[in-house]
Protein backbone atom coordinates (compact mmCIF):
# COMPACT_ATOMS: atom_id res chain seq x y z
CA UNK A 1 -8.75 -29.99 4.45
CA UNK A 2 -6.04 -29.43 2.22
CA UNK A 3 -5.90 -25.54 1.25
CA UNK A 4 -3.41 -24.18 -1.18
CA UNK A 5 -2.69 -20.72 -1.05
CA UNK A 6 -1.08 -18.09 -3.53
CA UNK A 7 1.52 -16.51 -1.62
CA UNK A 8 3.46 -14.84 -4.33
CA UNK A 9 3.42 -11.51 -2.40
CA UNK A 10 5.18 -12.82 0.78
CA UNK A 11 8.57 -11.11 0.01
CA UNK A 12 11.10 -10.75 2.98
CA UNK A 13 11.72 -7.22 3.39
CA UNK A 14 9.18 -5.97 0.96
CA UNK A 15 5.49 -6.35 2.48
CA UNK A 16 3.41 -4.04 0.97
CA UNK A 17 -0.67 -3.85 0.19
CA UNK A 18 -1.18 -7.71 -0.96
CA UNK A 19 1.94 -8.97 1.09
CA UNK A 20 0.56 -7.33 4.47
CA UNK A 21 -3.04 -8.87 3.39
CA UNK A 22 -1.75 -12.50 2.67
CA UNK A 23 0.47 -12.22 5.58
CA UNK A 24 -2.24 -11.30 8.40
CA UNK A 25 -4.93 -13.33 6.78
CA UNK A 26 -3.09 -16.88 5.81
CA UNK A 27 -1.08 -16.72 9.18
CA UNK A 28 -4.12 -16.98 11.52
CA UNK A 29 -5.64 -19.32 9.34
CA UNK A 30 -2.73 -21.65 9.85
CA UNK A 31 -2.19 -21.16 13.54
CA UNK A 32 -5.80 -21.16 14.15
CA UNK A 33 -6.93 -24.38 12.13
CA UNK A 34 -3.97 -26.79 12.83
CA UNK A 35 -6.30 -29.55 11.73
CA UNK A 36 -6.12 -27.94 8.12
CA UNK A 37 -3.01 -28.84 5.48
CA UNK A 38 -1.68 -25.78 3.97
CA UNK A 39 0.47 -25.63 0.75
CA UNK A 40 1.99 -22.15 -0.05
CA UNK A 41 2.68 -21.28 -3.62
CA UNK A 42 5.63 -18.99 -3.79
CA UNK A 43 6.93 -17.88 -7.27
CA UNK A 44 10.67 -17.29 -5.93
CA UNK A 45 12.89 -18.51 -2.80
CA UNK A 46 10.73 -17.75 0.25
CA UNK A 47 11.72 -16.69 3.88
CA UNK A 48 11.18 -19.58 6.32
CA UNK A 49 9.27 -16.84 8.54
CA UNK A 50 6.42 -17.10 6.40
CA UNK A 51 6.25 -20.64 7.04
CA UNK A 52 3.88 -20.31 9.75
CA UNK A 53 3.36 -23.88 11.13
CA UNK A 54 4.15 -27.62 10.94
CA UNK A 55 0.85 -27.88 9.02
CA UNK A 56 2.31 -25.65 6.16
CA UNK A 57 4.11 -27.39 2.88
CA UNK A 58 6.07 -24.40 0.81
CA UNK A 59 6.36 -25.05 -2.60
CA UNK A 60 8.12 -22.77 -5.20
CA UNK A 61 6.52 -22.88 -8.71
CA UNK A 62 8.23 -21.55 -11.71
CA UNK A 63 8.26 -18.86 -13.38
CA UNK A 64 8.70 -15.68 -11.18
CA UNK A 65 5.63 -14.26 -12.16
CA UNK A 66 5.82 -10.32 -12.65
CA UNK A 67 4.71 -9.73 -16.22
CA UNK A 68 1.53 -11.01 -18.13
CA UNK A 69 3.29 -13.50 -20.09
CA UNK A 70 4.74 -15.26 -16.72
CA UNK A 71 1.20 -14.67 -15.03
CA UNK A 72 -0.42 -16.72 -17.64
CA UNK A 73 2.46 -19.40 -17.11
CA UNK A 74 2.21 -19.37 -13.61
CA UNK A 75 -1.29 -19.57 -12.95
CA UNK A 76 -2.47 -21.56 -16.03
CA UNK A 77 -0.02 -24.13 -15.82
CA UNK A 78 2.41 -24.32 -13.00
CA UNK A 79 -0.71 -23.39 -10.22
CA UNK A 80 -3.20 -26.23 -11.73
CA UNK A 81 -0.40 -28.70 -11.92
CA UNK A 82 0.62 -28.26 -8.37
CA UNK A 83 -2.92 -28.32 -7.05
CA UNK A 84 -3.35 -31.79 -8.69
CA UNK A 85 -0.06 -33.00 -7.34
CA UNK A 86 -0.76 -31.99 -3.83
CA UNK A 87 -4.59 -33.13 -3.85
CA UNK A 88 -5.67 -29.56 -2.99
CA UNK A 89 -9.36 -29.41 -1.90
CA UNK A 90 -9.23 -25.55 -2.21
CA UNK A 91 -7.28 -22.80 -3.98
CA UNK A 92 -7.26 -19.42 -2.13
CA UNK A 93 -5.80 -16.65 -4.04
CA UNK A 94 -5.75 -13.20 -2.17
CA UNK A 95 -3.81 -10.95 -4.80
CA UNK A 96 -6.96 -10.32 -7.17
CA UNK A 97 -5.75 -13.24 -9.70
CA UNK A 98 -6.66 -17.00 -9.81
CA UNK A 99 -6.43 -19.76 -12.22
CA UNK A 100 -8.88 -20.29 -14.96
CA UNK A 101 -7.60 -23.77 -15.75
CA UNK A 102 -8.05 -25.77 -12.50
CA UNK A 103 -11.09 -27.52 -11.73
CA UNK A 104 -10.49 -27.18 -7.97
CA UNK A 105 -12.91 -24.83 -5.90
CA UNK A 106 -11.41 -21.35 -5.80
CA UNK A 107 -11.70 -18.48 -3.44
CA UNK A 108 -10.23 -15.04 -4.53
CA UNK A 109 -9.73 -11.63 -3.17
CA UNK A 110 -10.39 -8.53 -5.16
CA UNK A 111 -8.88 -5.34 -3.46
CA UNK A 112 -10.32 -2.89 -6.26
CA UNK A 113 -11.43 -2.35 -9.83
CA UNK A 114 -8.85 0.13 -10.60
CA UNK A 115 -7.71 -1.74 -14.01
CA UNK A 116 -11.34 -1.15 -15.00
CA UNK A 117 -12.15 2.50 -14.03
CA UNK A 118 -8.69 3.88 -14.04
CA UNK A 119 -6.63 2.18 -16.61
CA UNK A 120 -4.14 4.87 -16.81
CA UNK A 121 -3.05 4.41 -13.48
CA UNK A 122 -1.97 0.75 -14.30
CA UNK A 123 1.31 0.10 -15.76
CA UNK A 124 0.98 -0.13 -19.86
CA UNK A 125 2.38 -3.57 -19.73
CA UNK A 126 -0.32 -4.97 -17.30
CA UNK A 127 -3.28 -2.58 -18.51
CA UNK A 128 -4.80 -4.80 -21.29
CA UNK A 129 -4.01 -7.99 -19.38
CA UNK A 130 -5.74 -7.02 -16.47
CA UNK A 131 -8.88 -5.49 -18.04
CA UNK A 132 -9.51 -8.47 -20.10
CA UNK A 133 -8.84 -11.18 -17.25
CA UNK A 134 -10.11 -9.48 -14.14
CA UNK A 135 -14.15 -10.29 -15.38
CA UNK A 136 -12.76 -13.89 -16.17
CA UNK A 137 -11.42 -14.12 -12.58
CA UNK A 138 -14.75 -13.17 -11.21
CA UNK A 139 -16.67 -15.49 -13.33
CA UNK A 140 -14.39 -18.72 -12.43
CA UNK A 141 -13.94 -17.59 -8.70
CA UNK A 142 -16.16 -20.01 -6.61
CA UNK A 143 -16.56 -17.05 -4.24
CA UNK A 144 -14.99 -13.44 -3.91
CA UNK A 145 -13.62 -11.67 -1.09
CA UNK A 146 -13.34 -8.24 -0.75
CA UNK A 147 -12.09 -5.26 1.56
CA UNK A 148 -15.23 -2.87 1.79
CA UNK A 149 -18.92 -2.58 1.09
CA UNK A 150 -17.70 0.17 -1.73
CA UNK A 151 -15.83 -2.57 -3.61
CA UNK A 152 -18.52 -5.17 -3.40
CA UNK A 153 -21.12 -2.78 -4.80
CA UNK A 154 -18.72 -1.53 -7.42
CA UNK A 155 -18.29 -5.38 -8.40
CA UNK A 156 -21.90 -5.90 -8.57
CA UNK A 157 -22.50 -2.71 -10.76
CA UNK A 158 -19.61 -2.78 -12.86
CA UNK A 159 -19.24 -6.42 -13.70
CA UNK A 160 -22.78 -7.76 -12.81
CA UNK A 161 -21.71 -10.08 -10.29
CA UNK A 162 -24.32 -11.46 -7.94
CA UNK A 163 -23.89 -10.14 -4.37
CA UNK A 164 -24.39 -13.49 -2.98
CA UNK A 165 -21.15 -14.38 -4.55
CA UNK A 166 -19.19 -11.73 -2.82
CA UNK A 167 -18.34 -11.41 0.99
CA UNK A 168 -17.07 -7.90 2.18
CA UNK A 169 -14.96 -7.76 5.66
CA UNK A 170 -12.43 -4.88 6.33
CA UNK A 171 -8.99 -5.21 6.49
CA UNK A 172 -7.51 -5.28 10.20
CA UNK A 173 -4.60 -3.21 11.81
CA UNK A 174 -1.42 -4.90 13.12
CA UNK A 175 -1.05 -4.95 16.97
CA UNK A 176 2.04 -3.14 16.84
CA UNK A 177 0.28 -0.03 15.61
CA UNK A 178 -0.61 1.75 19.06
CA UNK A 179 -0.32 5.21 20.89
CA UNK A 180 2.94 6.24 21.31
CA UNK A 181 4.14 8.21 24.80
CA UNK A 182 5.10 11.82 24.83
CA UNK A 183 8.87 10.57 25.22
CA UNK A 184 8.34 8.34 22.13
CA UNK A 185 6.75 11.08 20.01
CA UNK A 186 9.78 13.35 21.04
CA UNK A 187 12.35 10.75 20.04
CA UNK A 188 10.84 9.81 16.75
CA UNK A 189 10.32 13.47 15.76
CA UNK A 190 14.01 14.34 16.62
CA UNK A 191 15.06 11.29 14.45
CA UNK A 192 13.05 11.99 11.40
CA UNK A 193 11.98 15.85 11.45
CA UNK A 194 14.64 17.77 13.32
CA UNK A 195 12.01 17.73 16.57
CA UNK A 196 9.26 19.38 14.64
CA UNK A 197 5.57 18.33 14.30
CA UNK A 198 5.04 16.50 10.87
CA UNK A 199 2.10 15.49 8.37
CA UNK A 200 2.62 11.62 7.39
CA UNK A 201 1.97 9.81 4.16
CA UNK A 202 2.33 6.00 4.02
CA UNK A 203 2.07 4.32 0.69
CA UNK A 204 3.18 4.21 -2.82
CA UNK A 205 4.66 7.37 -4.26
CA UNK A 206 2.32 7.13 -7.27
CA UNK A 207 -0.36 9.48 -8.95
CA UNK A 208 -3.42 7.39 -8.00
CA UNK A 209 -2.29 8.29 -4.52
CA UNK A 210 -2.43 12.02 -5.18
CA UNK A 211 1.05 12.86 -3.62
CA UNK A 212 1.59 15.71 -5.77
CA UNK A 213 -1.64 17.50 -4.77
CA UNK A 214 -0.59 16.59 -1.09
CA UNK A 215 2.88 18.36 -1.66
CA UNK A 216 1.30 21.33 -3.34
CA UNK A 217 -1.09 21.87 -0.67
CA UNK A 218 1.73 21.29 2.18
CA UNK A 219 3.53 23.95 0.53
CA UNK A 220 0.76 26.43 0.38
CA UNK A 221 0.11 25.65 3.75
CA UNK A 222 3.45 26.39 5.01
CA UNK A 223 3.45 29.77 2.85
CA UNK A 224 -0.04 30.77 4.56
CA UNK A 225 1.09 29.85 8.18
CA UNK A 226 4.71 30.06 8.57
CA UNK A 227 4.14 26.81 10.75
CA UNK A 228 7.43 24.93 11.78
CA UNK A 229 6.20 21.85 10.28
CA UNK A 230 7.20 18.92 7.78
CA UNK A 231 5.71 16.64 5.55
CA UNK A 232 6.99 12.95 5.65
CA UNK A 233 6.22 10.54 2.71
CA UNK A 234 7.03 6.89 3.48
CA UNK A 235 7.03 4.40 0.46
CA UNK A 236 8.49 3.19 -2.58
CA UNK A 237 8.36 5.43 -5.92
CA UNK A 238 6.36 3.55 -8.54
CA UNK A 239 6.23 4.59 -11.73
CA UNK A 240 4.54 7.75 -13.55
CA UNK A 241 6.02 9.86 -11.09
CA UNK A 242 6.84 12.94 -13.16
CA UNK A 243 4.14 14.87 -11.51
CA UNK A 244 5.09 14.06 -8.01
CA UNK A 245 8.84 15.23 -8.63
CA UNK A 246 7.95 18.21 -10.60
CA UNK A 247 5.56 19.45 -7.54
CA UNK A 248 8.49 18.79 -4.94
CA UNK A 249 11.12 20.65 -7.35
CA UNK A 250 8.61 23.64 -7.44
CA UNK A 251 7.80 23.88 -3.92
CA UNK A 252 9.21 26.70 -1.72
CA UNK A 253 9.64 24.30 1.16
CA UNK A 254 11.07 21.46 -0.28
CA UNK A 255 13.71 20.87 2.01
CA UNK A 256 10.95 20.20 4.54
CA UNK A 257 9.09 17.64 2.43
CA UNK A 258 11.17 14.36 3.07
CA UNK A 259 11.08 10.98 0.96
CA UNK A 260 11.92 8.10 3.42
CA UNK A 261 11.61 5.48 0.89
CA UNK A 262 10.40 2.27 1.87
CA UNK A 263 9.62 1.88 5.53
CA UNK A 264 10.17 -1.41 7.46
CA UNK A 265 7.53 -3.09 9.68
CA UNK A 266 9.03 -1.98 12.89
CA UNK A 267 9.33 1.76 12.07
CA UNK A 268 6.09 2.48 10.39
CA UNK A 269 3.90 2.18 13.72
CA UNK A 270 6.54 4.64 15.19
CA UNK A 271 6.47 6.97 12.36
CA UNK A 272 2.51 6.86 12.17
CA UNK A 273 2.33 7.38 15.94
CA UNK A 274 4.29 10.39 16.05
CA UNK A 275 2.51 12.48 13.30
CA UNK A 276 0.75 15.26 13.89
CA UNK A 277 -1.96 13.71 11.21
CA UNK A 278 -1.98 10.96 8.81
CA UNK A 279 -2.67 12.33 5.22
CA UNK A 280 -4.16 9.91 2.89
CA UNK A 281 -5.74 11.89 -0.07
CA UNK A 282 -5.81 8.88 -2.57
CA UNK A 283 -8.28 9.12 -5.75
CA UNK A 284 -9.37 5.62 -5.35
CA UNK A 285 -8.99 3.02 -2.85
CA UNK A 286 -10.46 -0.43 -1.80
CA UNK A 287 -10.07 0.23 1.61
CA UNK A 288 -7.36 2.61 2.82
CA UNK A 289 -5.34 0.82 5.36
CA UNK A 290 -3.20 3.83 6.78
CA UNK A 291 -6.60 5.39 7.86
CA UNK A 292 -6.92 2.01 10.46
CA UNK A 293 -3.40 2.34 11.44
CA UNK A 294 -3.55 5.92 12.29
CA UNK A 295 -6.63 5.38 14.20
CA UNK A 296 -5.06 2.61 16.14
CA UNK A 297 -2.31 5.29 17.04
CA UNK A 298 -4.53 8.08 18.23
CA UNK A 299 -3.66 10.13 15.32
CA UNK A 300 -5.68 12.38 13.45
CA UNK A 301 -6.73 11.38 9.94
CA UNK A 302 -7.07 13.48 6.77
CA UNK A 303 -8.43 11.83 3.63
CA UNK A 304 -10.45 12.00 0.64
CA UNK A 305 -14.48 12.15 0.10
CA UNK A 306 -14.06 9.63 -2.61
CA UNK A 307 -14.40 5.86 -3.24
CA UNK A 308 -14.11 3.60 -0.46
CA UNK A 309 -12.38 6.23 2.09
CA UNK A 310 -15.73 8.00 3.78
CA UNK A 311 -16.90 4.36 4.10
CA UNK A 312 -13.66 3.42 6.18
CA UNK A 313 -13.44 6.64 8.18
CA UNK A 314 -16.89 6.86 9.35
CA UNK A 315 -16.91 10.38 11.35
CA UNK A 316 -13.31 9.61 12.42
CA UNK A 317 -11.77 11.74 9.70
CA UNK A 318 -11.73 15.22 7.97
CA UNK A 319 -12.73 14.67 4.71
CA UNK A 320 -11.49 16.80 1.82
CA UNK A 321 -12.02 17.32 -1.96
CA UNK A 322 -8.72 15.56 -3.14
CA UNK A 323 -9.07 17.32 -6.80
CA UNK A 324 -8.93 20.70 -5.00
CA UNK A 325 -5.44 21.68 -3.61
CA UNK A 326 -7.23 24.39 -1.69
CA UNK A 327 -9.31 21.97 0.13
CA UNK A 328 -6.11 19.65 1.40
CA UNK A 329 -4.61 22.73 2.42
CA UNK A 330 -7.38 24.14 4.55
CA UNK A 331 -7.65 20.52 6.27
CA UNK A 332 -3.76 20.96 6.90
CA UNK A 333 -4.32 24.04 8.58
CA UNK A 334 -7.31 23.32 10.47
CA UNK A 335 -5.71 20.27 12.11
CA UNK A 336 -2.49 22.29 12.90
CA UNK A 337 -4.19 25.08 14.52
CA UNK A 338 -7.27 23.50 16.28
CA UNK A 339 -6.29 21.30 19.00
CA UNK A 340 -9.69 20.58 19.80
CA UNK A 341 -10.62 19.10 16.49
CA UNK A 342 -7.57 16.62 16.66
CA UNK A 343 -8.77 15.71 20.02
CA UNK A 344 -12.11 15.16 18.59
CA UNK A 345 -10.87 13.17 15.61
CA UNK A 346 -8.75 10.93 18.08
CA UNK A 347 -11.46 10.04 20.31
CA UNK A 348 -14.00 9.01 17.25
CA UNK A 349 -10.93 7.04 15.91
CA UNK A 350 -10.94 4.97 19.23
CA UNK A 351 -14.48 3.89 18.33
CA UNK A 352 -14.13 3.41 14.62
CA UNK A 353 -11.15 1.40 14.91
CA UNK A 354 -12.98 -1.58 16.75
CA UNK A 355 -14.51 -2.33 13.23
CA UNK A 356 -11.07 -3.40 11.93
CA UNK A 357 -9.89 -6.47 13.08
CA UNK A 358 -7.71 -9.29 11.35
CA UNK A 359 -8.83 -12.04 13.39
CA UNK A 360 -12.33 -11.52 11.93
CA UNK A 361 -11.17 -11.09 8.38
CA UNK A 362 -9.01 -14.55 8.61
CA UNK A 363 -12.44 -16.28 10.25
CA UNK A 364 -14.37 -14.81 7.29
CA UNK A 365 -11.80 -15.96 4.48
CA UNK A 366 -11.68 -19.71 6.07
CA UNK A 367 -15.56 -19.61 5.99
CA UNK A 368 -15.60 -18.81 2.56
CA UNK A 369 -12.93 -21.54 1.91
CA UNK A 370 -15.39 -24.16 3.72
CA UNK A 371 -18.27 -23.18 1.86
CA UNK A 372 -16.58 -23.47 -1.47
CA UNK A 373 -15.66 -26.85 -0.30
CA UNK A 374 -19.16 -27.93 0.94
CA UNK A 375 -18.29 -27.86 4.56
CA UNK A 376 -20.93 -25.12 5.15
């Protein structure tokens, strides 16, 4: 079978949400199915490390697509031509977009419906384009994958898609997220937090991630408890970050709130594993990968009681109201002061993390590819 894949987000040194998903799913499809021929569609020069096997042919399609006009050019002109040229049997697009102009059977992954529910949280230049196109992509795709039952139900209820057209399968967690030894935890804390315990956040620095309330809650927690504890924030600054900067500038303990910027693949598991707790108080998510990563590291989780996050967390996290700073503050205090609670969350996380498997997600993706081609 000839499988063409949209690999725009396989960017060297910049793997984030869509990029990690693409990497984990597609690398397994390539390695587990050497009988298939893959054509990877990049929109800029690529790193050969992303060519996962001899059954991969990488192609760079013009133009680099990071703007609505260029999205249309890439997906509606460059991709159909390339699909025809390579004789693809199936097109797999893992980044919530696909081509409307190709007749090649298509599988698309939708990660969430943020453009429809929270348009103000989408960059203005992309907002109207995504609101208009997302329902069209859903209609065009022959099968849709998504990353949680919550998002599947949302797609059915919001867009009227038949549930038979959607398969939900959880994301997995990379193998290098694992528990650290006491010595390793000490080394990481010495390097990043002056030897102090710290709460950790990993993700985009963006209002939808609720970082400003996390900063406010941490500041109040420090004021109330006098705890010698820090807050480490790992991720790139996105747009609309004014509230976050203001929260940091107003914080009494801002010197103990550290912005680390983008953290690479080697350091992120170490920073996660050495944390007192992982804090992911997002307002809306399709999955929430940091929850699975923390559980894999035997680190307690604090997360929101909205969107998919209670589903993903199960009973292995402390759930808070993300709109109430006091609720977030109390969760930080409970984790800091209650060792029994921390141990209980870790024990439950060890059970819960068995639900998250990239191997399973990759096989489900390939089954969908086979289904639309008529192999199943």
